[in-house]
Amino acid sequence: MTERYDAIVVGAGVVGLAIARALSLAGKPPLIVEGESHFGSWTSSRNSEVIHAGIYYPLGSMKADLCVAGRERLYVFCAERGVAHRRTGKLVFAHDASQLPALEAIQTHARNAGVEDLRLIDAAGVRALEPALRCAGALLSPSTGIIDSHALMLALLGEAEANGAM
């Protein structure tokens, strides 16, 4: 007996498993092919596990648009499935007052790219958040976070397989 598939997904990292899940949910479960003995053995197992806010990507780029839209969807996906993650926030700081205009430029760029939650905070505000950091001020990115990438891949694979992927 020969199995037939409408699609083959080559690579079982985060991207491949997300594609396999999406195809499965759309009624076109794929065959997932991975050259290693288990999923997520390459790039996906070596990433920083950061959920990026989308601060630095070029305006109007697909990367910027997908990062901003995808980060909130990722937080929801993780919360609904019990995938370990946390909105840790991130501080981009100005060592001295001469660097404060650069923070404002970053904030303007990020806002134009769709990142709406960045906040400039003064030195006292920074110390309240991180007492060991001495600086002139910072940009707070509350939507930056961290994720357990292996748990994410396991959730994606589980849903793909539950919907017919092999």
N, C-alpha and C. Protein backbone atom coordinates (compact mmCIF):
# COMPACT_ATOMS: atom_id res chain seq x y z
N MET A 1 0.85 -1.18 0.00
CA MET A 1 0.00 0.00 0.00
C MET A 1 0.89 1.23 0.00
N THR A 2 0.62 2.16 -0.86
CA THR A 2 1.39 3.39 -0.98
C THR A 2 0.63 4.55 -0.38
N GLU A 3 1.29 5.25 0.52
CA GLU A 3 0.67 6.45 1.10
C GLU A 3 0.81 7.61 0.13
N ARG A 4 -0.17 8.48 0.09
CA ARG A 4 -0.11 9.67 -0.76
C ARG A 4 -0.31 10.89 0.12
N TYR A 5 0.47 11.92 -0.17
CA TYR A 5 0.40 13.16 0.59
C TYR A 5 0.28 14.32 -0.37
N ASP A 6 -0.48 15.33 0.03
CA ASP A 6 -0.57 16.56 -0.77
C ASP A 6 0.65 17.43 -0.58
N ALA A 7 1.37 17.23 0.54
CA ALA A 7 2.53 18.07 0.84
C ALA A 7 3.55 17.27 1.63
N ILE A 8 4.79 17.65 1.46
CA ILE A 8 5.88 17.12 2.27
C ILE A 8 6.57 18.32 2.90
N VAL A 9 6.75 18.28 4.20
CA VAL A 9 7.48 19.34 4.91
C VAL A 9 8.85 18.78 5.23
N VAL A 10 9.88 19.44 4.71
CA VAL A 10 11.25 19.00 4.94
C VAL A 10 11.84 19.86 6.06
N GLY A 11 12.13 19.21 7.17
CA GLY A 11 12.69 19.90 8.33
C GLY A 11 11.67 20.03 9.44
N ALA A 12 12.00 19.48 10.59
CA ALA A 12 11.08 19.50 11.72
C ALA A 12 11.59 20.42 12.82
N GLY A 13 11.90 21.67 12.43
CA GLY A 13 12.19 22.72 13.39
C GLY A 13 10.92 23.51 13.62
N VAL A 14 11.02 24.65 14.26
CA VAL A 14 9.85 25.47 14.55
C VAL A 14 9.08 25.82 13.28
N VAL A 15 9.78 26.28 12.25
CA VAL A 15 9.09 26.70 11.03
C VAL A 15 8.43 25.51 10.34
N GLY A 16 9.18 24.42 10.17
CA GLY A 16 8.60 23.25 9.52
C GLY A 16 7.40 22.70 10.27
N LEU A 17 7.50 22.63 11.58
CA LEU A 17 6.39 22.10 12.38
C LEU A 17 5.19 23.04 12.36
N ALA A 18 5.43 24.34 12.34
CA ALA A 18 4.31 25.29 12.24
C ALA A 18 3.61 25.14 10.90
N ILE A 19 4.39 24.94 9.83
CA ILE A 19 3.79 24.73 8.51
C ILE A 19 3.01 23.41 8.49
N ALA A 20 3.59 22.36 9.06
CA ALA A 20 2.91 21.07 9.11
C ALA A 20 1.60 21.17 9.89
N ARG A 21 1.62 21.91 10.99
CA ARG A 21 0.40 22.11 11.78
C ARG A 21 -0.65 22.84 10.96
N ALA A 22 -0.24 23.93 10.30
CA ALA A 22 -1.19 24.72 9.50
C ALA A 22 -1.78 23.89 8.37
N LEU A 23 -0.95 23.12 7.68
CA LEU A 23 -1.47 22.26 6.61
C LEU A 23 -2.44 21.23 7.17
N SER A 24 -2.10 20.63 8.30
CA SER A 24 -2.97 19.63 8.92
C SER A 24 -4.31 20.23 9.30
N LEU A 25 -4.28 21.41 9.90
CA LEU A 25 -5.53 22.06 10.30
C LEU A 25 -6.37 22.46 9.09
N ALA A 26 -5.71 22.67 7.94
CA ALA A 26 -6.42 23.02 6.70
C ALA A 26 -6.89 21.78 5.94
N GLY A 27 -6.73 20.61 6.55
CA GLY A 27 -7.20 19.39 5.91
C GLY A 27 -6.24 18.79 4.90
N LYS A 28 -5.00 19.21 4.92
CA LYS A 28 -3.97 18.67 4.02
C LYS A 28 -2.77 18.20 4.83
N PRO A 29 -2.97 17.17 5.64
CA PRO A 29 -1.88 16.74 6.51
C PRO A 29 -0.66 16.28 5.69
N PRO A 30 0.51 16.80 6.03
CA PRO A 30 1.71 16.47 5.26
C PRO A 30 2.50 15.30 5.85
N LEU A 31 3.46 14.87 5.07
CA LEU A 31 4.50 13.99 5.57
C LEU A 31 5.63 14.90 6.03
N ILE A 32 6.07 14.75 7.27
CA ILE A 32 7.16 15.57 7.81
C ILE A 32 8.44 14.74 7.72
N VAL A 33 9.44 15.29 7.06
CA VAL A 33 10.71 14.60 6.88
C VAL A 33 11.79 15.35 7.65
N GLU A 34 12.51 14.62 8.49
CA GLU A 34 13.59 15.22 9.28
C GLU A 34 14.82 14.33 9.18
N GLY A 35 15.96 14.91 8.92
CA GLY A 35 17.19 14.15 8.75
C GLY A 35 17.82 13.68 10.05
N GLU A 36 17.40 14.23 11.16
CA GLU A 36 17.94 13.84 12.46
C GLU A 36 17.00 12.84 13.13
N SER A 37 17.42 12.33 14.26
CA SER A 37 16.62 11.31 14.95
C SER A 37 15.41 11.90 15.67
N HIS A 38 15.40 13.22 15.88
CA HIS A 38 14.25 13.85 16.53
C HIS A 38 14.10 15.29 16.04
N PHE A 39 12.94 15.84 16.28
CA PHE A 39 12.62 17.18 15.81
C PHE A 39 13.48 18.24 16.52
N GLY A 40 13.62 19.39 15.87
CA GLY A 40 14.27 20.55 16.49
C GLY A 40 15.74 20.38 16.80
N SER A 41 16.46 19.60 16.03
CA SER A 41 17.86 19.34 16.34
C SER A 41 18.83 20.40 15.83
N TRP A 42 18.43 21.22 14.92
CA TRP A 42 19.35 22.18 14.32
C TRP A 42 19.11 23.58 14.85
N THR A 43 18.80 24.51 13.98
CA THR A 43 18.70 25.92 14.34
C THR A 43 17.69 26.16 15.47
N SER A 44 16.56 25.48 15.42
CA SER A 44 15.53 25.70 16.43
C SER A 44 15.97 25.33 17.83
N SER A 45 16.96 24.45 17.95
CA SER A 45 17.43 24.07 19.28
C SER A 45 18.57 24.98 19.75
N ARG A 46 18.99 25.88 18.89
CA ARG A 46 20.13 26.74 19.23
C ARG A 46 19.77 28.23 19.22
N ASN A 47 18.51 28.53 19.18
CA ASN A 47 18.13 29.94 19.16
C ASN A 47 18.11 30.51 20.58
N SER A 48 17.90 31.79 20.67
CA SER A 48 17.96 32.47 21.97
C SER A 48 16.68 32.31 22.78
N GLU A 49 15.65 31.71 22.20
CA GLU A 49 14.35 31.52 22.84
C GLU A 49 13.72 32.84 23.27
N VAL A 50 13.97 33.88 22.50
CA VAL A 50 13.40 35.19 22.76
C VAL A 50 12.17 35.39 21.90
N ILE A 51 11.14 35.93 22.49
CA ILE A 51 9.98 36.40 21.73
C ILE A 51 10.23 37.88 21.50
N HIS A 52 10.54 38.21 20.26
CA HIS A 52 10.92 39.58 19.93
C HIS A 52 9.69 40.49 19.79
N ALA A 53 9.85 41.72 20.20
CA ALA A 53 8.78 42.71 20.09
C ALA A 53 8.68 43.27 18.67
N GLY A 54 9.79 43.26 17.93
CA GLY A 54 9.79 43.82 16.58
C GLY A 54 10.35 45.23 16.52
N ILE A 55 11.22 45.56 17.44
CA ILE A 55 11.72 46.93 17.60
C ILE A 55 12.59 47.38 16.44
N TYR A 56 13.47 46.50 15.97
CA TYR A 56 14.54 46.94 15.07
C TYR A 56 14.35 46.61 13.60
N TYR A 57 13.34 45.87 13.25
CA TYR A 57 13.19 45.43 11.86
C TYR A 57 12.87 46.59 10.93
N PRO A 58 13.31 46.50 9.67
CA PRO A 58 13.05 47.59 8.71
C PRO A 58 11.55 47.84 8.53
N LEU A 59 11.18 49.12 8.49
CA LEU A 59 9.78 49.50 8.33
C LEU A 59 9.21 48.91 7.04
N GLY A 60 8.01 48.40 7.14
CA GLY A 60 7.33 47.87 5.97
C GLY A 60 7.83 46.52 5.51
N SER A 61 8.83 45.97 6.19
CA SER A 61 9.35 44.67 5.79
C SER A 61 8.41 43.57 6.28
N MET A 62 8.45 42.46 5.57
CA MET A 62 7.64 41.31 5.98
C MET A 62 8.04 40.86 7.38
N LYS A 63 9.33 40.91 7.67
CA LYS A 63 9.83 40.50 8.98
C LYS A 63 9.21 41.36 10.09
N ALA A 64 9.14 42.67 9.87
CA ALA A 64 8.56 43.57 10.87
C ALA A 64 7.07 43.28 11.04
N ASP A 65 6.36 43.16 9.94
CA ASP A 65 4.92 42.93 10.01
C ASP A 65 4.59 41.60 10.68
N LEU A 66 5.31 40.55 10.29
CA LEU A 66 5.04 39.23 10.86
C LEU A 66 5.46 39.13 12.32
N CYS A 67 6.52 39.81 12.68
CA CYS A 67 6.98 39.78 14.07
C CYS A 67 5.94 40.40 14.99
N VAL A 68 5.45 41.57 14.62
CA VAL A 68 4.48 42.27 15.46
C VAL A 68 3.18 41.48 15.57
N ALA A 69 2.68 40.99 14.44
CA ALA A 69 1.43 40.22 14.46
C ALA A 69 1.63 38.86 15.13
N GLY A 70 2.75 38.24 14.84
CA GLY A 70 2.99 36.89 15.32
C GLY A 70 3.29 36.79 16.80
N ARG A 71 3.91 37.82 17.36
CA ARG A 71 4.29 37.73 18.77
C ARG A 71 3.05 37.59 19.64
N GLU A 72 2.00 38.33 19.38
CA GLU A 72 0.79 38.21 20.20
C GLU A 72 0.11 36.86 19.98
N ARG A 73 0.10 36.40 18.75
CA ARG A 73 -0.48 35.08 18.47
C ARG A 73 0.31 33.99 19.18
N LEU A 74 1.63 34.17 19.25
CA LEU A 74 2.48 33.19 19.93
C LEU A 74 2.18 33.16 21.43
N TYR A 75 2.02 34.33 22.04
CA TYR A 75 1.68 34.36 23.46
C TYR A 75 0.36 33.64 23.72
N VAL A 76 -0.63 33.86 22.87
CA VAL A 76 -1.93 33.21 23.03
C VAL A 76 -1.78 31.69 22.85
N PHE A 77 -1.09 31.29 21.79
CA PHE A 77 -0.87 29.86 21.52
C PHE A 77 -0.24 29.20 22.73
N CYS A 78 0.80 29.78 23.28
CA CYS A 78 1.50 29.21 24.42
C CYS A 78 0.62 29.14 25.66
N ALA A 79 -0.12 30.20 25.92
CA ALA A 79 -1.00 30.22 27.10
C ALA A 79 -2.08 29.16 26.99
N GLU A 80 -2.65 29.00 25.82
CA GLU A 80 -3.73 28.02 25.63
C GLU A 80 -3.25 26.58 25.72
N ARG A 81 -1.97 26.35 25.45
CA ARG A 81 -1.46 24.98 25.40
C ARG A 81 -0.48 24.65 26.52
N GLY A 82 -0.27 25.57 27.41
CA GLY A 82 0.64 25.33 28.53
C GLY A 82 2.11 25.28 28.16
N VAL A 83 2.47 25.93 27.05
CA VAL A 83 3.88 26.01 26.66
C VAL A 83 4.55 27.07 27.53
N ALA A 84 5.63 26.70 28.17
CA ALA A 84 6.32 27.63 29.07
C ALA A 84 6.81 28.86 28.32
N HIS A 85 6.44 30.01 28.84
CA HIS A 85 6.84 31.30 28.26
C HIS A 85 6.64 32.37 29.33
N ARG A 86 7.22 33.53 29.09
CA ARG A 86 7.02 34.62 30.04
C ARG A 86 7.31 35.95 29.35
N ARG A 87 6.47 36.92 29.59
CA ARG A 87 6.73 38.29 29.14
C ARG A 87 7.70 38.90 30.14
N THR A 88 8.95 38.84 29.82
CA THR A 88 9.97 39.35 30.74
C THR A 88 10.17 40.85 30.60
N GLY A 89 9.89 41.36 29.42
CA GLY A 89 10.21 42.74 29.12
C GLY A 89 11.70 42.86 28.83
N LYS A 90 12.07 44.00 28.30
CA LYS A 90 13.47 44.24 27.94
C LYS A 90 13.75 45.72 28.10
N LEU A 91 14.94 46.03 28.59
CA LEU A 91 15.38 47.41 28.71
C LEU A 91 16.49 47.67 27.69
N VAL A 92 16.30 48.68 26.87
CA VAL A 92 17.34 49.18 25.99
C VAL A 92 17.78 50.47 26.64
N PHE A 93 19.02 50.51 27.14
CA PHE A 93 19.38 51.65 27.99
C PHE A 93 20.40 52.58 27.34
N ALA A 94 20.36 53.81 27.82
CA ALA A 94 21.33 54.83 27.43
C ALA A 94 22.34 54.93 28.57
N HIS A 95 23.58 54.65 28.26
CA HIS A 95 24.63 54.70 29.27
C HIS A 95 24.76 56.12 29.85
N ASP A 96 24.69 57.11 28.97
CA ASP A 96 24.75 58.50 29.42
C ASP A 96 23.74 59.33 28.64
N ALA A 97 23.58 60.58 29.04
CA ALA A 97 22.55 61.45 28.46
C ALA A 97 22.72 61.67 26.96
N SER A 98 23.94 61.57 26.45
CA SER A 98 24.15 61.78 25.02
C SER A 98 23.48 60.69 24.18
N GLN A 99 23.14 59.56 24.79
CA GLN A 99 22.52 58.46 24.06
C GLN A 99 20.99 58.48 24.13
N LEU A 100 20.42 59.39 24.92
CA LEU A 100 18.95 59.45 25.05
C LEU A 100 18.24 59.73 23.73
N PRO A 101 18.76 60.61 22.87
CA PRO A 101 18.08 60.81 21.57
C PRO A 101 18.02 59.53 20.73
N ALA A 102 19.02 58.68 20.87
CA ALA A 102 18.99 57.41 20.13
C ALA A 102 17.82 56.53 20.60
N LEU A 103 17.54 56.56 21.90
CA LEU A 103 16.39 55.80 22.41
C LEU A 103 15.08 56.33 21.84
N GLU A 104 14.98 57.65 21.74
CA GLU A 104 13.78 58.25 21.15
C GLU A 104 13.64 57.85 19.69
N ALA A 105 14.75 57.79 18.98
CA ALA A 105 14.72 57.37 17.57
C ALA A 105 14.29 55.91 17.45
N ILE A 106 14.77 55.07 18.34
CA ILE A 106 14.37 53.66 18.33
C ILE A 106 12.87 53.56 18.61
N GLN A 107 12.38 54.33 19.57
CA GLN A 107 10.96 54.30 19.90
C GLN A 107 10.12 54.74 18.71
N THR A 108 10.53 55.80 18.03
CA THR A 108 9.78 56.29 16.86
C THR A 108 9.78 55.23 15.77
N HIS A 109 10.94 54.65 15.50
CA HIS A 109 11.04 53.61 14.48
C HIS A 109 10.12 52.44 14.82
N ALA A 110 10.19 51.98 16.07
CA ALA A 110 9.38 50.84 16.49
C ALA A 110 7.89 51.16 16.40
N ARG A 111 7.50 52.35 16.81
CA ARG A 111 6.09 52.74 16.73
C ARG A 111 5.62 52.71 15.28
N ASN A 112 6.45 53.23 14.38
CA ASN A 112 6.10 53.21 12.95
C ASN A 112 6.00 51.79 12.40
N ALA A 113 6.71 50.86 13.03
CA ALA A 113 6.66 49.45 12.61
C ALA A 113 5.52 48.69 13.28
N GLY A 114 4.75 49.36 14.15
CA GLY A 114 3.61 48.73 14.79
C GLY A 114 3.81 48.29 16.22
N VAL A 115 4.97 48.60 16.80
CA VAL A 115 5.23 48.26 18.21
C VAL A 115 4.74 49.43 19.04
N GLU A 116 3.60 49.25 19.68
CA GLU A 116 2.91 50.36 20.34
C GLU A 116 3.19 50.50 21.83
N ASP A 117 3.86 49.52 22.44
CA ASP A 117 3.93 49.51 23.90
C ASP A 117 5.27 49.96 24.49
N LEU A 118 6.18 50.47 23.66
CA LEU A 118 7.47 50.93 24.20
C LEU A 118 7.28 52.18 25.04
N ARG A 119 8.06 52.26 26.11
CA ARG A 119 7.95 53.39 27.03
C ARG A 119 9.32 53.89 27.42
N LEU A 120 9.54 55.18 27.29
CA LEU A 120 10.79 55.78 27.79
C LEU A 120 10.66 55.95 29.29
N ILE A 121 11.71 55.55 30.01
CA ILE A 121 11.70 55.74 31.46
C ILE A 121 13.01 56.39 31.88
N ASP A 122 12.94 57.18 32.92
CA ASP A 122 14.13 57.90 33.39
C ASP A 122 14.98 56.98 34.27
N ALA A 123 16.11 57.50 34.71
CA ALA A 123 17.06 56.71 35.50
C ALA A 123 16.43 56.14 36.76
N ALA A 124 15.60 56.92 37.43
CA ALA A 124 14.94 56.44 38.66
C ALA A 124 13.98 55.30 38.34
N GLY A 125 13.27 55.42 37.23
CA GLY A 125 12.36 54.35 36.81
C GLY A 125 13.11 53.07 36.48
N VAL A 126 14.28 53.22 35.86
CA VAL A 126 15.10 52.05 35.56
C VAL A 126 15.55 51.38 36.85
N ARG A 127 16.02 52.18 37.81
CA ARG A 127 16.48 51.62 39.09
C ARG A 127 15.35 50.88 39.81
N ALA A 128 14.13 51.36 39.67
CA ALA A 128 13.00 50.68 40.30
C ALA A 128 12.79 49.28 39.68
N LEU A 129 13.06 49.15 38.40
CA LEU A 129 12.91 47.86 37.72
C LEU A 129 14.13 46.97 37.87
N GLU A 130 15.30 47.58 37.80
CA GLU A 130 16.57 46.84 37.85
C GLU A 130 17.58 47.64 38.66
N PRO A 131 17.61 47.43 39.98
CA PRO A 131 18.45 48.23 40.87
C PRO A 131 19.94 48.22 40.54
N ALA A 132 20.44 47.18 39.89
CA ALA A 132 21.88 47.10 39.61
C ALA A 132 22.28 47.87 38.36
N LEU A 133 21.32 48.33 37.58
CA LEU A 133 21.63 49.03 36.33
C LEU A 133 21.69 50.53 36.56
N ARG A 134 22.83 51.11 36.26
CA ARG A 134 23.01 52.56 36.35
C ARG A 134 23.07 53.11 34.94
N CYS A 135 22.16 54.00 34.62
CA CYS A 135 22.10 54.56 33.28
C CYS A 135 21.35 55.89 33.31
N ALA A 136 21.31 56.57 32.17
CA ALA A 136 20.63 57.86 32.07
C ALA A 136 19.14 57.70 31.80
N GLY A 137 18.75 56.55 31.33
CA GLY A 137 17.36 56.28 30.99
C GLY A 137 17.29 55.04 30.13
N ALA A 138 16.08 54.61 29.84
CA ALA A 138 15.93 53.39 29.05
C ALA A 138 14.60 53.38 28.32
N LEU A 139 14.53 52.51 27.39
CA LEU A 139 13.31 52.22 26.65
C LEU A 139 12.85 50.86 27.14
N LEU A 140 11.65 50.79 27.67
CA LEU A 140 11.10 49.53 28.16
C LEU A 140 10.24 48.91 27.08
N SER A 141 10.54 47.66 26.75
CA SER A 141 9.75 46.88 25.80
C SER A 141 9.04 45.78 26.57
N PRO A 142 7.82 46.03 27.04
CA PRO A 142 7.14 45.04 27.86
C PRO A 142 6.69 43.79 27.09
N SER A 143 6.62 43.85 25.76
CA SER A 143 6.15 42.68 25.02
C SER A 143 7.26 41.72 24.61
N THR A 144 8.50 42.03 24.94
CA THR A 144 9.59 41.09 24.71
C THR A 144 9.49 39.98 25.75
N GLY A 145 9.77 38.75 25.35
CA GLY A 145 9.66 37.66 26.29
C GLY A 145 10.59 36.51 25.97
N ILE A 146 10.36 35.41 26.66
CA ILE A 146 11.13 34.19 26.44
C ILE A 146 10.16 33.02 26.31
N ILE A 147 10.65 31.96 25.67
CA ILE A 147 9.81 30.79 25.41
C ILE A 147 10.65 29.53 25.49
N ASP A 148 10.04 28.44 25.85
CA ASP A 148 10.67 27.13 25.80
C ASP A 148 10.46 26.60 24.38
N SER A 149 11.48 26.74 23.53
CA SER A 149 11.32 26.38 22.12
C SER A 149 11.05 24.90 21.92
N HIS A 150 11.59 24.04 22.78
CA HIS A 150 11.32 22.60 22.63
C HIS A 150 9.87 22.28 22.96
N ALA A 151 9.34 22.92 23.99
CA ALA A 151 7.93 22.71 24.32
C ALA A 151 7.03 23.25 23.19
N LEU A 152 7.42 24.36 22.59
CA LEU A 152 6.67 24.91 21.46
C LEU A 152 6.68 23.91 20.31
N MET A 153 7.84 23.36 19.98
CA MET A 153 7.91 22.40 18.88
C MET A 153 7.10 21.14 19.19
N LEU A 154 7.13 20.70 20.42
CA LEU A 154 6.34 19.53 20.81
C LEU A 154 4.85 19.80 20.64
N ALA A 155 4.40 20.98 21.02
CA ALA A 155 2.99 21.35 20.85
C ALA A 155 2.61 21.41 19.37
N LEU A 156 3.47 22.01 18.55
CA LEU A 156 3.20 22.09 17.11
C LEU A 156 3.14 20.70 16.49
N LEU A 157 4.11 19.84 16.83
CA LEU A 157 4.15 18.49 16.31
C LEU A 157 2.92 17.70 16.76
N GLY A 158 2.57 17.83 18.03
CA GLY A 158 1.40 17.11 18.55
C GLY A 158 0.12 17.48 17.82
N GLU A 159 -0.08 18.76 17.56
CA GLU A 159 -1.28 19.19 16.84
C GLU A 159 -1.25 18.74 15.39
N ALA A 160 -0.06 18.80 14.78
CA ALA A 160 0.05 18.33 13.38
C ALA A 160 -0.29 16.85 13.30
N GLU A 161 0.29 16.05 14.19
CA GLU A 161 0.03 14.61 14.18
C GLU A 161 -1.42 14.30 14.53
N ALA A 162 -1.99 15.04 15.47
CA ALA A 162 -3.39 14.81 15.83
C ALA A 162 -4.34 15.09 14.68
N ASN A 163 -3.87 15.88 13.72
CA ASN A 163 -4.69 16.20 12.56
C ASN A 163 -4.21 15.49 11.30
N GLY A 164 -3.46 14.40 11.48
CA GLY A 164 -3.14 13.54 10.36
C GLY A 164 -1.73 13.62 9.78
N ALA A 165 -0.90 14.53 10.24
CA ALA A 165 0.46 14.59 9.72
C ALA A 165 1.22 13.35 10.15
N MET A 166 2.16 12.94 9.34
CA MET A 166 3.00 11.77 9.65
C MET A 166 4.44 12.22 9.72
